[in-house]
Amino acid sequence: MKNCPNCNAQLPDDAVFCTNCGTNLGAAPVQPPAPQQPQQQPQQPPYQPPAPAPAPNPFDHTDEFSEEEVHDNKIFALTVYALSFIGIIIALLAKSSDNSQYLRFHIKQQLMITIAQVMVGFITALLSWTCIVPVAGAAMLAFLWIVEIICFINVCRNKSIEPLLIRRLGFLK
């Protein structure tokens, strides 16, 4: 015979439950789990491949010029784009003794734009007897004027980027 651990009632040895209080005699006494120490394993972040570096723009020449050279010649570079051919002449006369690569770059870009404008104007005048050529010529001249404005804004932002469409022309390279 055995006793119930809960109510101390006498029970047969093969009893599974106490007939007096209903305690389960077959189960081992439940002990609260011992507190576990947190494991101090350093958690590594999941592997992330490095982000690919942006491809450099082959038409951006900003890093080729020093800040001092840009600062000294910015007004003349702005004049080149603001006054077109006259700006080229002013920049060449004013800075003829200074061998500035920055100013030479912008003079060359404006000179290509001016030559493209003259070529478009000449072809438009030559083929003005058609209907579509004068309209296409006017659209191309407007596009070249917008390219000049973009170049002017780039100079204001201290950028030296070859203008769109003009960079594709092979002359004056």
Protein backbone atom coordinates (compact mmCIF):
# COMPACT_ATOMS: atom_id res chain seq x y z
CA MET A 1 0.00 0.00 0.00
CA LYS A 2 1.05 3.57 -0.64
CA ASN A 3 -0.10 6.97 0.49
CA CYS A 4 -1.37 9.85 -1.71
CA PRO A 5 1.20 12.68 -1.66
CA ASN A 6 -1.61 15.26 -1.72
CA CYS A 7 -4.19 14.04 0.85
CA ASN A 8 -2.26 11.17 2.52
CA ALA A 9 -5.03 8.63 1.78
CA GLN A 10 -4.17 4.90 1.69
CA LEU A 11 -4.14 3.52 -1.90
CA PRO A 12 -3.22 0.19 -3.51
CA ASP A 13 0.27 -0.08 -5.01
CA ASP A 14 -1.04 -0.22 -8.64
CA ALA A 15 -3.29 2.87 -8.27
CA VAL A 16 -2.77 5.51 -10.90
CA PHE A 17 -5.10 8.14 -9.38
CA CYS A 18 -6.02 8.92 -5.79
CA THR A 19 -9.63 7.84 -5.17
CA ASN A 20 -9.98 10.54 -2.52
CA CYS A 21 -8.62 13.74 -4.23
CA GLY A 22 -7.95 12.66 -7.85
CA THR A 23 -4.23 13.35 -7.85
CA ASN A 24 -2.32 11.62 -10.63
CA LEU A 25 0.04 9.19 -8.94
CA GLY A 26 1.78 7.98 -12.12
CA ALA A 27 3.27 11.33 -13.04
CA ALA A 28 6.48 12.53 -11.51
CA PRO A 29 6.18 15.64 -9.43
CA VAL A 30 6.42 18.72 -11.55
CA GLN A 31 9.37 20.89 -10.73
CA PRO A 32 9.68 24.41 -12.05
CA PRO A 33 12.35 24.64 -14.72
CA ALA A 34 15.66 26.05 -13.62
CA PRO A 35 16.33 29.52 -14.99
CA GLN A 36 18.64 29.28 -17.94
CA GLN A 37 21.50 31.64 -18.48
CA PRO A 38 21.23 33.39 -21.83
CA GLN A 39 23.94 32.21 -24.16
CA GLN A 40 26.29 34.97 -25.11
CA GLN A 41 26.96 34.04 -28.70
CA PRO A 42 27.60 37.02 -30.93
CA GLN A 43 25.00 37.23 -33.63
CA GLN A 44 26.41 37.98 -37.03
CA PRO A 45 24.25 39.83 -39.50
CA PRO A 46 23.41 37.85 -42.62
CA TYR A 47 25.90 38.22 -45.43
CA GLN A 48 25.10 41.03 -47.79
CA PRO A 49 27.23 41.43 -50.88
CA PRO A 50 28.69 44.90 -51.29
CA ALA A 51 26.65 47.26 -53.43
CA PRO A 52 28.15 47.69 -56.88
CA ALA A 53 29.93 50.97 -57.37
CA PRO A 54 28.19 53.28 -59.83
CA ALA A 55 29.85 53.32 -63.20
CA PRO A 56 31.71 56.57 -63.81
CA ASN A 57 30.25 58.82 -66.46
CA PRO A 58 32.80 59.01 -69.29
CA PHE A 59 31.40 62.40 -70.34
CA ASP A 60 31.84 64.02 -66.90
CA HIS A 61 35.16 65.86 -66.70
CA THR A 62 34.49 67.68 -63.43
CA ASP A 63 37.26 65.90 -61.50
CA GLU A 64 39.88 66.85 -64.09
CA PHE A 65 39.91 70.50 -62.99
CA SER A 66 41.04 71.96 -59.68
CA GLU A 67 38.65 74.02 -57.58
CA GLU A 68 40.93 77.04 -57.91
CA GLU A 69 40.91 76.81 -61.71
CA VAL A 70 37.12 76.49 -61.74
CA HIS A 71 36.73 79.45 -59.38
CA ASP A 72 39.08 81.67 -61.41
CA ASN A 73 37.41 80.95 -64.77
CA LYS A 74 33.76 80.38 -63.92
CA ILE A 75 32.57 83.83 -65.07
CA PHE A 76 34.19 83.39 -68.47
CA ALA A 77 32.77 79.87 -68.82
CA LEU A 78 29.31 81.29 -68.08
CA THR A 79 29.92 84.06 -70.64
CA VAL A 80 30.79 81.44 -73.26
CA TYR A 81 27.36 79.80 -72.96
CA ALA A 82 25.39 82.99 -72.38
CA LEU A 83 26.71 84.88 -75.41
CA SER A 84 27.48 82.01 -77.82
CA PHE A 85 30.06 83.02 -80.44
CA ILE A 86 30.64 86.44 -78.92
CA GLY A 87 31.21 84.77 -75.56
CA ILE A 88 33.85 82.54 -77.14
CA ILE A 89 35.67 85.59 -78.48
CA ILE A 90 35.45 87.41 -75.12
CA ALA A 91 36.76 84.38 -73.24
CA LEU A 92 39.63 83.89 -75.68
CA LEU A 93 40.65 87.56 -75.53
CA ALA A 94 40.28 87.94 -71.77
CA LYS A 95 42.11 84.75 -70.83
CA SER A 96 44.59 84.47 -73.72
CA SER A 97 47.59 84.57 -71.38
CA ASP A 98 46.07 82.05 -68.96
CA ASN A 99 46.28 78.47 -70.18
CA SER A 100 43.16 77.19 -68.35
CA GLN A 101 42.11 73.67 -69.27
CA TYR A 102 38.73 74.33 -67.65
CA LEU A 103 38.00 77.35 -69.83
CA ARG A 104 39.39 75.59 -72.91
CA PHE A 105 36.98 72.69 -72.27
CA HIS A 106 33.94 75.00 -72.17
CA ILE A 107 35.08 77.04 -75.16
CA LYS A 108 35.45 73.81 -77.14
CA GLN A 109 31.95 72.62 -76.11
CA GLN A 110 30.35 75.95 -77.07
CA LEU A 111 32.28 76.02 -80.32
CA MET A 112 30.86 72.59 -81.23
CA ILE A 113 27.35 73.81 -80.36
CA THR A 114 27.83 76.94 -82.48
CA ILE A 115 29.15 74.95 -85.45
CA ALA A 116 26.18 72.56 -85.15
CA GLN A 117 23.81 75.58 -85.09
CA VAL A 118 25.44 77.05 -88.21
CA MET A 119 25.28 73.69 -90.02
CA VAL A 120 21.59 73.22 -89.13
CA GLY A 121 20.82 76.80 -90.18
CA PHE A 122 22.67 76.38 -93.48
CA ILE A 123 20.95 73.08 -94.33
CA THR A 124 17.57 74.53 -93.32
CA ALA A 125 18.11 77.57 -95.55
CA LEU A 126 19.33 75.42 -98.41
CA LEU A 127 16.30 73.13 -98.24
CA SER A 128 13.73 75.73 -97.24
CA TRP A 129 11.65 75.06 -100.35
CA THR A 130 10.34 71.88 -98.67
CA CYS A 131 7.79 71.91 -95.87
CA ILE A 132 9.34 69.54 -93.38
CA VAL A 133 12.98 70.73 -93.39
CA PRO A 134 12.32 74.22 -91.96
CA VAL A 135 10.19 72.72 -89.18
CA ALA A 136 12.84 70.08 -88.40
CA GLY A 137 15.58 72.73 -88.57
CA ALA A 138 13.71 74.99 -86.16
CA ALA A 139 13.21 72.06 -83.78
CA MET A 140 16.91 71.19 -83.95
CA LEU A 141 17.93 74.81 -83.31
CA ALA A 142 15.58 74.92 -80.32
CA PHE A 143 17.14 71.69 -79.03
CA LEU A 144 20.65 73.14 -79.40
CA TRP A 145 19.52 76.27 -77.53
CA ILE A 146 18.25 74.05 -74.69
CA VAL A 147 21.61 72.24 -74.69
CA GLU A 148 23.30 75.64 -74.21
CA ILE A 149 21.02 76.38 -71.25
CA ILE A 150 21.85 72.99 -69.71
CA CYS A 151 25.57 73.70 -70.15
CA PHE A 152 25.12 77.11 -68.50
CA ILE A 153 23.38 75.45 -65.52
CA ASN A 154 26.14 72.83 -65.29
CA VAL A 155 28.76 75.59 -65.10
CA CYS A 156 26.72 77.23 -62.32
CA ARG A 157 26.83 73.90 -60.44
CA ASN A 158 30.64 73.59 -61.02
CA LYS A 159 30.14 70.62 -63.35
CA SER A 160 32.01 70.01 -66.59
CA ILE A 161 29.90 67.57 -68.56
CA GLU A 162 29.96 67.16 -72.31
CA PRO A 163 26.53 68.18 -73.64
CA LEU A 164 24.10 65.67 -75.04
CA LEU A 165 24.22 65.13 -78.82
CA ILE A 166 27.31 67.33 -79.13
CA ARG A 167 29.41 64.62 -77.47
CA ARG A 168 28.60 62.38 -80.44
CA LEU A 169 30.13 64.79 -82.95
CA GLY A 170 33.65 63.80 -83.86
CA PHE A 171 35.17 67.18 -84.67
CA LEU A 172 37.17 69.26 -82.17
CA LYS A 173 38.01 66.26 -79.98
